PDB file of N, CA and C in Angstrom:
ATOM      1  N   GLN A   1       0.863  -1.161   0.025  1.00  0.00           N
ATOM      2  CA  GLN A   1       0.040  -0.147  -0.057  1.00  0.00           C
ATOM      3  C   GLN A   1       0.791   1.206   0.023  1.00  0.00           C
ATOM      4  N   VAL A   2       2.188   1.148   0.525  1.00  0.00           N
ATOM      5  CA  VAL A   2       3.122   2.440   0.351  1.00  0.00           C
ATOM      6  C   VAL A   2       3.949   2.485  -0.931  1.00  0.00           C
ATOM      7  N   GLN A   3       3.813   3.685  -1.455  1.00  0.00           N
ATOM      8  CA  GLN A   3       4.571   3.614  -2.977  1.00  0.00           C
ATOM      9  C   GLN A   3       5.511   4.830  -2.933  1.00  0.00           C
ATOM     10  N   LEU A   4       6.434   4.754  -3.525  1.00  0.00           N
ATOM     11  CA  LEU A   4       7.562   6.130  -3.760  1.00  0.00           C
ATOM     12  C   LEU A   4       7.227   6.283  -5.250  1.00  0.00           C
ATOM     13  N   VAL A   5       7.499   7.956  -5.442  1.00  0.00           N
ATOM     14  CA  VAL A   5       7.389   8.081  -6.939  1.00  0.00           C
ATOM     15  C   VAL A   5       8.605   9.313  -6.763  1.00  0.00           C
ATOM     16  N   GLU A   6       9.668   9.002  -7.859  1.00  0.00           N
ATOM     17  CA  GLU A   6      10.576   9.578  -8.117  1.00  0.00           C
ATOM     18  C   GLU A   6      10.272  10.712  -9.312  1.00  0.00           C
ATOM     19  N   SER A   7      11.217  11.791  -9.028  1.00  0.00           N
ATOM     20  CA  SER A   7      10.741  13.004 -10.132  1.00  0.00           C
ATOM     21  C   SER A   7      12.000  13.647 -10.389  1.00  0.00           C
ATOM     22  N   GLY A   8      12.195  14.606 -11.294  1.00  0.00           N
ATOM     23  CA  GLY A   8      13.210  15.479 -11.652  1.00  0.00           C
ATOM     24  C   GLY A   8      14.517  15.009 -12.767  1.00  0.00           C
ATOM     25  N   GLY A   9      14.350  13.806 -13.168  1.00  0.00           N
ATOM     26  CA  GLY A   9      15.449  13.191 -13.834  1.00  0.00           C
ATOM     27  C   GLY A   9      15.142  14.114 -15.253  1.00  0.00           C
ATOM     28  N   ALA A  10      16.409  14.382 -16.086  1.00  0.00           N
ATOM     29  CA  ALA A  10      16.481  14.945 -17.151  1.00  0.00           C
ATOM     30  C   ALA A  10      17.730  14.738 -17.797  1.00  0.00           C
ATOM     31  N   LEU A  11      17.837  15.445 -19.007  1.00  0.00           N
ATOM     32  CA  LEU A  11      19.187  15.083 -19.766  1.00  0.00           C
ATOM     33  C   LEU A  11      19.453  16.917 -19.627  1.00  0.00           C
ATOM     34  N   VAL A  12      20.934  16.492 -19.116  1.00  0.00           N
ATOM     35  CA  VAL A  12      21.666  18.093 -18.925  1.00  0.00           C
ATOM     36  C   VAL A  12      23.074  17.820 -19.334  1.00  0.00           C
ATOM     37  N   GLN A  13      23.919  19.063 -19.237  1.00  0.00           N
ATOM     38  CA  GLN A  13      24.944  19.060 -19.950  1.00  0.00           C
ATOM     39  C   GLN A  13      25.923  19.085 -18.697  1.00  0.00           C
ATOM     40  N   PRO A  14      27.383  18.662 -18.624  1.00  0.00           N
ATOM     41  CA  PRO A  14      28.171  18.849 -17.593  1.00  0.00           C
ATOM     42  C   PRO A  14      28.059  19.939 -17.041  1.00  0.00           C
ATOM     43  N   GLY A  15      28.487  19.960 -15.587  1.00  0.00           N
ATOM     44  CA  GLY A  15      28.596  21.209 -15.126  1.00  0.00           C
ATOM     45  C   GLY A  15      27.318  21.619 -14.131  1.00  0.00           C
ATOM     46  N   GLU A  16      26.162  21.348 -14.950  1.00  0.00           N
ATOM     47  CA  GLU A  16      24.670  21.775 -14.696  1.00  0.00           C
ATOM     48  C   GLU A  16      24.263  21.185 -13.448  1.00  0.00           C
ATOM     49  N   SER A  17      22.844  21.575 -12.817  1.00  0.00           N
ATOM     50  CA  SER A  17      22.665  20.872 -11.843  1.00  0.00           C
ATOM     51  C   SER A  17      21.230  20.295 -11.725  1.00  0.00           C
ATOM     52  N   LEU A  18      20.654  19.397 -10.888  1.00  0.00           N
ATOM     53  CA  LEU A  18      19.388  18.960 -10.959  1.00  0.00           C
ATOM     54  C   LEU A  18      19.123  18.726  -9.514  1.00  0.00           C
ATOM     55  N   ARG A  19      17.802  18.579  -9.332  1.00  0.00           N
ATOM     56  CA  ARG A  19      17.175  18.249  -7.847  1.00  0.00           C
ATOM     57  C   ARG A  19      16.180  16.971  -8.239  1.00  0.00           C
ATOM     58  N   LEU A  20      16.282  15.813  -7.661  1.00  0.00           N
ATOM     59  CA  LEU A  20      15.422  14.707  -7.889  1.00  0.00           C
ATOM     60  C   LEU A  20      14.532  15.045  -6.338  1.00  0.00           C
ATOM     61  N   SER A  21      13.202  14.276  -6.554  1.00  0.00           N
ATOM     62  CA  SER A  21      12.591  14.162  -5.632  1.00  0.00           C
ATOM     63  C   SER A  21      11.962  12.811  -5.437  1.00  0.00           C
ATOM     64  N   CYS A  22      11.441  12.492  -4.287  1.00  0.00           N
ATOM     65  CA  CYS A  22      10.755  11.138  -3.934  1.00  0.00           C
ATOM     66  C   CYS A  22       9.701  11.197  -3.194  1.00  0.00           C
ATOM     67  N   ALA A  23       8.499  10.941  -3.340  1.00  0.00           N
ATOM     68  CA  ALA A  23       7.248  11.418  -2.499  1.00  0.00           C
ATOM     69  C   ALA A  23       6.769   9.977  -2.197  1.00  0.00           C
ATOM     70  N   ALA A  24       6.539   9.891  -0.922  1.00  0.00           N
ATOM     71  CA  ALA A  24       6.008   8.622  -0.595  1.00  0.00           C
ATOM     72  C   ALA A  24       4.483   8.864  -0.057  1.00  0.00           C
ATOM     73  N   SER A  25       3.536   7.988  -0.439  1.00  0.00           N
ATOM     74  CA  SER A  25       2.363   7.848  -0.108  1.00  0.00           C
ATOM     75  C   SER A  25       1.610   6.633   0.351  1.00  0.00           C
ATOM     76  N   GLY A  26       0.592   6.375   0.923  1.00  0.00           N
ATOM     77  CA  GLY A  26      -0.095   5.158   1.443  1.00  0.00           C
ATOM     78  C   GLY A  26      -0.104   5.277   2.860  1.00  0.00           C
ATOM     79  N   ARG A  27      -0.047   4.189   3.420  1.00  0.00           N
ATOM     80  CA  ARG A  27      -0.397   3.827   4.990  1.00  0.00           C
ATOM     81  C   ARG A  27       1.147   4.204   5.478  1.00  0.00           C
ATOM     82  N   ILE A  28       1.255   5.241   6.175  1.00  0.00           N
ATOM     83  CA  ILE A  28       2.414   5.295   6.807  1.00  0.00           C
ATOM     84  C   ILE A  28       2.225   5.810   8.332  1.00  0.00           C
ATOM     85  N   PHE A  29       3.130   5.203   9.142  1.00  0.00           N
ATOM     86  CA  PHE A  29       3.017   5.540  10.499  1.00  0.00           C
ATOM     87  C   PHE A  29       4.287   6.526  10.721  1.00  0.00           C
ATOM     88  N   LEU A  30       5.477   6.059  10.198  1.00  0.00           N
ATOM     89  CA  LEU A  30       6.552   6.594  10.187  1.00  0.00           C
ATOM     90  C   LEU A  30       7.623   5.985   9.218  1.00  0.00           C
ATOM     91  N   ILE A  31       8.523   6.934   8.929  1.00  0.00           N
ATOM     92  CA  ILE A  31       9.682   6.429   7.800  1.00  0.00           C
ATOM     93  C   ILE A  31      11.085   6.542   8.604  1.00  0.00           C
ATOM     94  N   ASN A  32      11.810   5.390   8.560  1.00  0.00           N
ATOM     95  CA  ASN A  32      13.015   5.284   8.968  1.00  0.00           C
ATOM     96  C   ASN A  32      14.083   5.944   8.238  1.00  0.00           C
ATOM     97  N   ASP A  33      15.155   4.941   7.721  1.00  0.00           N
ATOM     98  CA  ASP A  33      16.195   5.149   6.754  1.00  0.00           C
ATOM     99  C   ASP A  33      15.616   5.444   5.439  1.00  0.00           C
ATOM    100  N   MET A  34      16.268   6.361   4.805  1.00  0.00           N
ATOM    101  CA  MET A  34      15.977   6.614   3.300  1.00  0.00           C
ATOM    102  C   MET A  34      17.322   6.735   2.394  1.00  0.00           C
ATOM    103  N   GLY A  35      17.181   6.608   1.085  1.00  0.00           N
ATOM    104  CA  GLY A  35      18.493   6.583   0.456  1.00  0.00           C
ATOM    105  C   GLY A  35      18.204   6.664  -0.943  1.00  0.00           C
ATOM    106  N   TRP A  36      19.216   7.076  -1.792  1.00  0.00           N
ATOM    107  CA  TRP A  36      19.163   7.300  -3.423  1.00  0.00           C
ATOM    108  C   TRP A  36      20.096   6.273  -3.730  1.00  0.00           C
ATOM    109  N   TYR A  37      19.876   5.582  -4.601  1.00  0.00           N
ATOM    110  CA  TYR A  37      20.749   4.474  -5.307  1.00  0.00           C
ATOM    111  C   TYR A  37      20.713   5.003  -6.895  1.00  0.00           C
ATOM    112  N   ARG A  38      21.744   4.518  -7.519  1.00  0.00           N
ATOM    113  CA  ARG A  38      21.740   4.616  -9.178  1.00  0.00           C
ATOM    114  C   ARG A  38      22.290   3.377  -9.708  1.00  0.00           C
ATOM    115  N   GLN A  39      21.994   3.180 -11.011  1.00  0.00           N
ATOM    116  CA  GLN A  39      22.356   2.042 -11.823  1.00  0.00           C
ATOM    117  C   GLN A  39      22.422   2.448 -12.993  1.00  0.00           C
ATOM    118  N   ALA A  40      23.770   2.250 -13.593  1.00  0.00           N
ATOM    119  CA  ALA A  40      23.894   2.391 -14.962  1.00  0.00           C
ATOM    120  C   ALA A  40      24.104   1.262 -15.658  1.00  0.00           C
ATOM    121  N   PRO A  41      24.083   1.286 -17.164  1.00  0.00           N
ATOM    122  CA  PRO A  41      23.688  -0.034 -18.117  1.00  0.00           C
ATOM    123  C   PRO A  41      25.147  -0.988 -17.622  1.00  0.00           C
ATOM    124  N   GLY A  42      24.808  -2.312 -17.485  1.00  0.00           N
ATOM    125  CA  GLY A  42      25.935  -3.185 -17.240  1.00  0.00           C
ATOM    126  C   GLY A  42      26.815  -3.002 -15.956  1.00  0.00           C
ATOM    127  N   LYS A  43      26.075  -2.174 -15.129  1.00  0.00           N
ATOM    128  CA  LYS A  43      26.708  -1.937 -13.906  1.00  0.00           C
ATOM    129  C   LYS A  43      25.983  -2.388 -12.625  1.00  0.00           C
ATOM    130  N   GLU A  44      26.566  -2.728 -11.744  1.00  0.00           N
ATOM    131  CA  GLU A  44      25.749  -3.059 -10.248  1.00  0.00           C
ATOM    132  C   GLU A  44      25.070  -1.657  -9.722  1.00  0.00           C
ATOM    133  N   ARG A  45      24.171  -1.883  -9.004  1.00  0.00           N
ATOM    134  CA  ARG A  45      23.467  -0.731  -8.346  1.00  0.00           C
ATOM    135  C   ARG A  45      24.295  -0.192  -7.094  1.00  0.00           C
ATOM    136  N   GLU A  46      24.206   1.108  -6.934  1.00  0.00           N
ATOM    137  CA  GLU A  46      25.445   1.507  -5.898  1.00  0.00           C
ATOM    138  C   GLU A  46      24.508   2.466  -5.001  1.00  0.00           C
ATOM    139  N   LEU A  47      24.900   2.695  -3.818  1.00  0.00           N
ATOM    140  CA  LEU A  47      24.293   3.523  -3.013  1.00  0.00           C
ATOM    141  C   LEU A  47      25.037   4.793  -3.214  1.00  0.00           C
ATOM    142  N   VAL A  48      24.113   6.005  -3.547  1.00  0.00           N
ATOM    143  CA  VAL A  48      24.714   7.357  -3.729  1.00  0.00           C
ATOM    144  C   VAL A  48      24.664   8.113  -2.521  1.00  0.00           C
ATOM    145  N   ALA A  49      23.505   8.313  -1.716  1.00  0.00           N
ATOM    146  CA  ALA A  49      23.422   9.012  -0.362  1.00  0.00           C
ATOM    147  C   ALA A  49      22.378   8.335   0.324  1.00  0.00           C
ATOM    148  N   HIS A  50      22.667   8.413   1.911  1.00  0.00           N
ATOM    149  CA  HIS A  50      21.739   7.836   2.755  1.00  0.00           C
ATOM    150  C   HIS A  50      21.418   8.792   3.936  1.00  0.00           C
ATOM    151  N   ILE A  51      20.293   8.902   4.288  1.00  0.00           N
ATOM    152  CA  ILE A  51      19.790   9.978   5.203  1.00  0.00           C
ATOM    153  C   ILE A  51      18.894   8.923   6.332  1.00  0.00           C
ATOM    154  N   ALA A  52      19.500   9.085   7.669  1.00  0.00           N
ATOM    155  CA  ALA A  52      18.637   8.495   8.764  1.00  0.00           C
ATOM    156  C   ALA A  52      17.557   9.140   9.075  1.00  0.00           C
ATOM    157  N   SER A  53      16.767   8.608  10.142  1.00  0.00           N
ATOM    158  CA  SER A  53      15.624   9.275  10.882  1.00  0.00           C
ATOM    159  C   SER A  53      15.939  10.649  11.483  1.00  0.00           C
ATOM    160  N   ASP A  54      17.221  10.601  12.227  1.00  0.00           N
ATOM    161  CA  ASP A  54      17.460  11.834  12.994  1.00  0.00           C
ATOM    162  C   ASP A  54      18.050  12.772  11.883  1.00  0.00           C
ATOM    163  N   SER A  55      18.216  12.508  10.516  1.00  0.00           N
ATOM    164  CA  SER A  55      18.867  13.513   9.355  1.00  0.00           C
ATOM    165  C   SER A  55      20.350  13.506   9.359  1.00  0.00           C
ATOM    166  N   THR A  56      20.823  12.326  10.002  1.00  0.00           N
ATOM    167  CA  THR A  56      22.234  12.373  10.069  1.00  0.00           C
ATOM    168  C   THR A  56      22.656  11.880   8.387  1.00  0.00           C
ATOM    169  N   THR A  57      23.687  12.123   7.776  1.00  0.00           N
ATOM    170  CA  THR A  57      23.923  11.706   6.247  1.00  0.00           C
ATOM    171  C   THR A  57      25.164  11.130   6.106  1.00  0.00           C
ATOM    172  N   ASP A  58      25.102  10.323   4.898  1.00  0.00           N
ATOM    173  CA  ASP A  58      26.400   9.590   4.441  1.00  0.00           C
ATOM    174  C   ASP A  58      26.192   9.444   2.836  1.00  0.00           C
ATOM    175  N   TYR A  59      27.513   9.541   2.111  1.00  0.00           N
ATOM    176  CA  TYR A  59      27.506   9.657   0.745  1.00  0.00           C
ATOM    177  C   TYR A  59      28.593   8.775   0.187  1.00  0.00           C
ATOM    178  N   ALA A  60      28.269   8.604  -0.780  1.00  0.00           N
ATOM    179  CA  ALA A  60      29.553   8.010  -1.754  1.00  0.00           C
ATOM    180  C   ALA A  60      30.674   8.800  -2.018  1.00  0.00           C
ATOM    181  N   GLY A  61      31.598   8.351  -2.283  1.00  0.00           N
ATOM    182  CA  GLY A  61      32.788   9.140  -2.526  1.00  0.00           C
ATOM    183  C   GLY A  61      32.783   9.914  -3.611  1.00  0.00           C
ATOM    184  N   SER A  62      32.087   9.364  -4.780  1.00  0.00           N
ATOM    185  CA  SER A  62      31.847  10.296  -6.003  1.00  0.00           C
ATOM    186  C   SER A  62      30.765  11.260  -5.707  1.00  0.00           C
ATOM    187  N   ALA A  63      30.119  11.136  -4.759  1.00  0.00           N
ATOM    188  CA  ALA A  63      28.951  12.391  -4.253  1.00  0.00           C
ATOM    189  C   ALA A  63      29.393  13.108  -3.413  1.00  0.00           C
ATOM    190  N   LYS A  64      30.272  12.958  -2.580  1.00  0.00           N
ATOM    191  CA  LYS A  64      30.618  13.943  -1.696  1.00  0.00           C
ATOM    192  C   LYS A  64      31.038  15.494  -2.479  1.00  0.00           C
ATOM    193  N   GLY A  65      30.584  16.341  -1.627  1.00  0.00           N
ATOM    194  CA  GLY A  65      31.246  17.775  -1.913  1.00  0.00           C
ATOM    195  C   GLY A  65      30.262  18.243  -3.443  1.00  0.00           C
ATOM    196  N   ARG A  66      29.535  17.260  -4.101  1.00  0.00           N
ATOM    197  CA  ARG A  66      28.543  17.661  -5.215  1.00  0.00           C
ATOM    198  C   ARG A  66      27.177  17.355  -4.659  1.00  0.00           C
ATOM    199  N   PHE A  67      26.622  16.344  -4.147  1.00  0.00           N
ATOM    200  CA  PHE A  67      25.468  15.951  -3.716  1.00  0.00           C
ATOM    201  C   PHE A  67      25.042  16.271  -2.344  1.00  0.00           C
ATOM    202  N   THR A  68      23.756  16.714  -2.161  1.00  0.00           N
ATOM    203  CA  THR A  68      23.145  16.879  -0.975  1.00  0.00           C
ATOM    204  C   THR A  68      21.748  16.206  -0.700  1.00  0.00           C
ATOM    205  N   ILE A  69      21.860  15.238   0.145  1.00  0.00           N
ATOM    206  CA  ILE A  69      20.342  14.544   0.455  1.00  0.00           C
ATOM    207  C   ILE A  69      19.695  15.404   1.482  1.00  0.00           C
ATOM    208  N   SER A  70      18.485  15.075   1.754  1.00  0.00           N
ATOM    209  CA  SER A  70      17.488  15.836   2.599  1.00  0.00           C
ATOM    210  C   SER A  70      16.272  15.124   2.380  1.00  0.00           C
ATOM    211  N   ARG A  71      15.619  15.515   3.758  1.00  0.00           N
ATOM    212  CA  ARG A  71      14.198  15.016   3.841  1.00  0.00           C
ATOM    213  C   ARG A  71      13.147  15.970   4.215  1.00  0.00           C
ATOM    214  N   ASP A  72      11.668  16.001   3.870  1.00  0.00           N
ATOM    215  CA  ASP A  72      10.941  16.739   4.644  1.00  0.00           C
ATOM    216  C   ASP A  72       9.836  15.818   5.122  1.00  0.00           C
ATOM    217  N   ASN A  73       9.983  15.734   6.538  1.00  0.00           N
ATOM    218  CA  ASN A  73       9.263  14.617   7.159  1.00  0.00           C
ATOM    219  C   ASN A  73       7.876  14.999   7.082  1.00  0.00           C
ATOM    220  N   ALA A  74       7.299  16.140   7.403  1.00  0.00           N
ATOM    221  CA  ALA A  74       5.848  16.567   7.231  1.00  0.00           C
ATOM    222  C   ALA A  74       5.179  16.211   5.918  1.00  0.00           C
ATOM    223  N   LYS A  75       6.180  16.174   4.799  1.00  0.00           N
ATOM    224  CA  LYS A  75       5.657  15.768   3.653  1.00  0.00           C
ATOM    225  C   LYS A  75       6.009  14.488   3.204  1.00  0.00           C
ATOM    226  N   ASN A  76       6.662  13.719   3.959  1.00  0.00           N
ATOM    227  CA  ASN A  76       6.816  12.301   3.517  1.00  0.00           C
ATOM    228  C   ASN A  76       7.804  12.428   2.138  1.00  0.00           C
ATOM    229  N   THR A  77       8.618  13.405   1.887  1.00  0.00           N
ATOM    230  CA  THR A  77       9.472  13.435   0.811  1.00  0.00           C
ATOM    231  C   THR A  77      10.835  13.475   0.844  1.00  0.00           C
ATOM    232  N   LEU A  78      11.447  12.757  -0.151  1.00  0.00           N
ATOM    233  CA  LEU A  78      12.991  12.985   0.155  1.00  0.00           C
ATOM    234  C   LEU A  78      13.543  13.700  -1.266  1.00  0.00           C
ATOM    235  N   TYR A  79      14.836  14.227  -1.196  1.00  0.00           N
ATOM    236  CA  TYR A  79      15.498  15.163  -2.194  1.00  0.00           C
ATOM    237  C   TYR A  79      17.006  14.687  -2.434  1.00  0.00           C
ATOM    238  N   LEU A  80      17.249  15.165  -3.531  1.00  0.00           N
ATOM    239  CA  LEU A  80      18.824  14.834  -3.797  1.00  0.00           C
ATOM    240  C   LEU A  80      19.160  16.014  -4.904  1.00  0.00           C
ATOM    241  N   GLN A  81      19.731  16.988  -4.034  1.00  0.00           N
ATOM    242  CA  GLN A  81      20.114  18.034  -4.943  1.00  0.00           C
ATOM    243  C   GLN A  81      21.782  17.723  -5.498  1.00  0.00           C
ATOM    244  N   MET A  82      21.804  17.757  -6.855  1.00  0.00           N
ATOM    245  CA  MET A  82      23.004  17.287  -7.731  1.00  0.00           C
ATOM    246  C   MET A  82      23.624  18.518  -8.283  1.00  0.00           C
ATOM    247  N   ASP A  83      24.949  18.737  -8.116  1.00  0.00           N
ATOM    248  CA  ASP A  83      25.429  19.889  -8.675  1.00  0.00           C
ATOM    249  C   ASP A  83      26.595  19.487  -9.301  1.00  0.00           C
ATOM    250  N   LYS A  84      26.967  20.328 -10.324  1.00  0.00           N
ATOM    251  CA  LYS A  84      28.473  19.951 -10.879  1.00  0.00           C
ATOM    252  C   LYS A  84      28.415  18.339 -11.617  1.00  0.00           C
ATOM    253  N   LEU A  85      27.420  18.205 -12.147  1.00  0.00           N
ATOM    254  CA  LEU A  85      27.084  16.869 -12.746  1.00  0.00           C
ATOM    255  C   LEU A  85      28.162  16.712 -13.615  1.00  0.00           C
ATOM    256  N   LYS A  86      28.492  15.329 -13.852  1.00  0.00           N
ATOM    257  CA  LYS A  86      29.719  14.681 -14.681  1.00  0.00           C
ATOM    258  C   LYS A  86      28.745  13.572 -15.481  1.00  0.00           C
ATOM    259  N   PRO A  87      29.323  13.183 -16.684  1.00  0.00           N
ATOM    260  CA  PRO A  87      28.953  12.280 -17.574  1.00  0.00           C
ATOM    261  C   PRO A  87      28.888  10.836 -16.826  1.00  0.00           C
ATOM    262  N   GLU A  88      29.672  10.440 -15.800  1.00  0.00           N
ATOM    263  CA  GLU A  88      29.899   9.224 -15.150  1.00  0.00           C
ATOM    264  C   GLU A  88      28.465   9.305 -14.100  1.00  0.00           C
ATOM    265  N   ASP A  89      27.659  10.310 -14.132  1.00  0.00           N
ATOM    266  CA  ASP A  89      26.657  10.580 -13.249  1.00  0.00           C
ATOM    267  C   ASP A  89      25.417  10.040 -13.853  1.00  0.00           C
ATOM    268  N   THR A  90      25.723   9.683 -15.146  1.00  0.00           N
ATOM    269  CA  THR A  90      24.242   9.143 -16.130  1.00  0.00           C
ATOM    270  C   THR A  90      23.883   7.984 -15.482  1.00  0.00           C
ATOM    271  N   ALA A  91      22.623   7.679 -15.187  1.00  0.00           N
ATOM    272  CA  ALA A  91      22.137   6.383 -14.430  1.00  0.00           C
ATOM    273  C   ALA A  91      20.709   6.707 -14.084  1.00  0.00           C
ATOM    274  N   VAL A  92      19.947   5.462 -14.088  1.00  0.00           N
ATOM    275  CA  VAL A  92      18.657   5.557 -13.523  1.00  0.00           C
ATOM    276  C   VAL A  92      19.025   5.830 -11.638  1.00  0.00           C
ATOM    277  N   TYR A  93      18.245   6.695 -11.366  1.00  0.00           N
ATOM    278  CA  TYR A  93      18.439   7.066  -9.972  1.00  0.00           C
ATOM    279  C   TYR A  93      16.998   6.441  -9.045  1.00  0.00           C
ATOM    280  N   TYR A  94      17.361   5.364  -8.195  1.00  0.00           N
ATOM    281  CA  TYR A  94      16.146   5.069  -7.549  1.00  0.00           C
ATOM    282  C   TYR A  94      16.209   5.446  -6.159  1.00  0.00           C
ATOM    283  N   CYS A  95      14.924   5.872  -5.538  1.00  0.00           N
ATOM    284  CA  CYS A  95      14.616   5.999  -4.070  1.00  0.00           C
ATOM    285  C   CYS A  95      14.428   4.710  -3.542  1.00  0.00           C
ATOM    286  N   ASN A  96      14.908   4.832  -2.146  1.00  0.00           N
ATOM    287  CA  ASN A  96      14.443   3.738  -1.211  1.00  0.00           C
ATOM    288  C   ASN A  96      14.124   4.433   0.120  1.00  0.00           C
ATOM    289  N   ALA A  97      13.335   3.348   0.963  1.00  0.00           N
ATOM    290  CA  ALA A  97      12.652   4.039   2.289  1.00  0.00           C
ATOM    291  C   ALA A  97      12.401   2.708   3.177  1.00  0.00           C
ATOM    292  N   THR A  98      12.720   2.784   4.128  1.00  0.00           N
ATOM    293  CA  THR A  98      12.344   1.647   5.221  1.00  0.00           C
ATOM    294  C   THR A  98      11.033   2.248   5.974  1.00  0.00           C
ATOM    295  N   VAL A  99       9.798   1.904   5.757  1.00  0.00           N
ATOM    296  CA  VAL A  99       8.524   2.453   6.153  1.00  0.00           C
ATOM    297  C   VAL A  99       7.696   1.585   7.172  1.00  0.00           C
ATOM    298  N   ILE A 100       7.485   2.193   8.238  1.00  0.00           N
ATOM    299  CA  ILE A 100       6.663   1.562   9.415  1.00  0.00           C
ATOM    300  C   ILE A 100       5.122   1.728   9.181  1.00  0.00           C
ATOM    301  N   PRO A 101       4.826   1.046   8.674  1.00  0.00           N
ATOM    302  CA  PRO A 101       3.082   1.264   8.022  1.00  0.00           C
ATOM    303  C   PRO A 101       2.215   1.075   9.552  1.00  0.00           C
ATOM    304  N   SER A 102       2.519   0.257  10.642  1.00  0.00           N
ATOM    305  CA  SER A 102       1.963   0.273  11.887  1.00  0.00           C
ATOM    306  C   SER A 102       3.226  -0.106  12.816  1.00  0.00           C
ATOM    307  N   ILE A 103       2.711  -0.292  14.036  1.00  0.00           N
ATOM    308  CA  ILE A 103       3.902  -0.438  15.268  1.00  0.00           C
ATOM    309  C   ILE A 103       4.486  -1.670  14.864  1.00  0.00           C
ATOM    310  N   GLU A 104       3.687  -2.652  14.407  1.00  0.00           N
ATOM    311  CA  GLU A 104       4.050  -3.974  14.388  1.00  0.00           C
ATOM    312  C   GLU A 104       4.806  -4.510  13.108  1.00  0.00           C
ATOM    313  N   ALA A 105       5.055  -3.580  12.179  1.00  0.00           N
ATOM    314  CA  ALA A 105       4.990  -3.876  10.768  1.00  0.00           C
ATOM    315  C   ALA A 105       6.306  -3.098  10.226  1.00  0.00           C
ATOM    316  N   ARG A 106       6.968  -3.605   9.254  1.00  0.00           N
ATOM    317  CA  ARG A 106       8.069  -2.777   8.457  1.00  0.00           C
ATOM    318  C   ARG A 106       8.059  -3.007   7.169  1.00  0.00           C
ATOM    319  N   LEU A 107       8.452  -2.330   6.202  1.00  0.00           N
ATOM    320  CA  LEU A 107       8.745  -2.527   4.835  1.00  0.00           C
ATOM    321  C   LEU A 107       9.928  -1.880   4.103  1.00  0.00           C
ATOM    322  N   ASP A 108      10.235  -2.370   3.209  1.00  0.00           N
ATOM    323  CA  ASP A 108      11.288  -2.023   2.428  1.00  0.00           C
ATOM    324  C   ASP A 108      11.029  -1.753   1.247  1.00  0.00           C
ATOM    325  N   VAL A 109      10.905  -0.416   0.705  1.00  0.00           N
ATOM    326  CA  VAL A 109       9.963   0.015  -0.654  1.00  0.00           C
ATOM    327  C   VAL A 109      10.960   0.904  -1.339  1.00  0.00           C
ATOM    328  N   TRP A 110      10.762   0.270  -2.774  1.00  0.00           N
ATOM    329  CA  TRP A 110      11.638   0.969  -3.942  1.00  0.00           C
ATOM    330  C   TRP A 110      10.478   1.594  -4.727  1.00  0.00           C
ATOM    331  N   GLY A 111      11.310   2.962  -5.472  1.00  0.00           N
ATOM    332  CA  GLY A 111      10.580   3.527  -6.334  1.00  0.00           C
ATOM    333  C   GLY A 111      11.035   2.779  -7.869  1.00  0.00           C
ATOM    334  N   GLN A 112      10.181   3.320  -8.986  1.00  0.00           N
ATOM    335  CA  GLN A 112      10.581   2.775 -10.065  1.00  0.00           C
ATOM    336  C   GLN A 112      11.803   3.527 -10.755  1.00  0.00           C
ATOM    337  N   GLY A 113      12.245   4.551 -10.344  1.00  0.00           N
ATOM    338  CA  GLY A 113      13.191   5.289 -10.885  1.00  0.00           C
ATOM    339  C   GLY A 113      12.954   6.242 -11.644  1.00  0.00           C
ATOM    340  N   THR A 114      14.001   7.288 -11.955  1.00  0.00           N
ATOM    341  CA  THR A 114      14.122   8.255 -12.647  1.00  0.00           C
ATOM    342  C   THR A 114      15.410   8.492 -13.551  1.00  0.00           C
ATOM    343  N   ILE A 115      15.528   8.998 -14.540  1.00  0.00           N
ATOM    344  CA  ILE A 115      16.685   8.843 -15.662  1.00  0.00           C
ATOM    345  C   ILE A 115      17.340  10.077 -15.645  1.00  0.00           C
ATOM    346  N   VAL A 116      18.531  10.123 -15.245  1.00  0.00           N
ATOM    347  CA  VAL A 116      19.501  11.370 -15.300  1.00  0.00           C
ATOM    348  C   VAL A 116      20.604  11.021 -16.544  1.00  0.00           C
ATOM    349  N   THR A 117      20.530  11.878 -17.393  1.00  0.00           N
ATOM    350  CA  THR A 117      21.710  11.622 -18.486  1.00  0.00           C
ATOM    351  C   THR A 117      22.249  12.938 -18.474  1.00  0.00           C
ATOM    352  N   VAL A 118      23.687  12.921 -18.462  1.00  0.00           N
ATOM    353  CA  VAL A 118      24.741  13.991 -18.492  1.00  0.00           C
ATOM    354  C   VAL A 118      25.635  13.771 -19.645  1.00  0.00           C
ATOM    355  N   SER A 119      25.507  14.450 -20.637  1.00  0.00           N
ATOM    356  CA  SER A 119      25.863  14.636 -21.842  1.00  0.00           C
ATOM    357  C   SER A 119      26.222  15.964 -22.604  1.00  0.00           C
ATOM    358  N   SER A 120      26.988  16.331 -23.308  1.00  0.00           N
ATOM    359  CA  SER A 120      27.569  17.513 -24.127  1.00  0.00           C
ATOM    360  C   SER A 120      26.834  17.190 -25.694  1.00  0.00           C
TER     361      SER A 120
END
């Protein structure tokens, strides 16, 4: 019953910026950890950025200094600000969340992904 929907992916030139959004809807008591992952063709899925329930963050080495993850708990929404984009950032970006729909339950939920292409 819980769904995640990503938005904001686009075709941009190197050095430009994008902001990705992930909106959670459905039966939600609370959301614990959230994160952004990406997968390029022929490569393994990798964690890009993580944010805990207390808003502490962690980033992949390739994202440090360029990307910023944040969350708005009142809106059940996750964001990824991406600056100084490089061609190697090209991938499908996925939102992930650990959702507590009730006091006794826990769900690991994924979105369908949004495509980011960085090319001149």
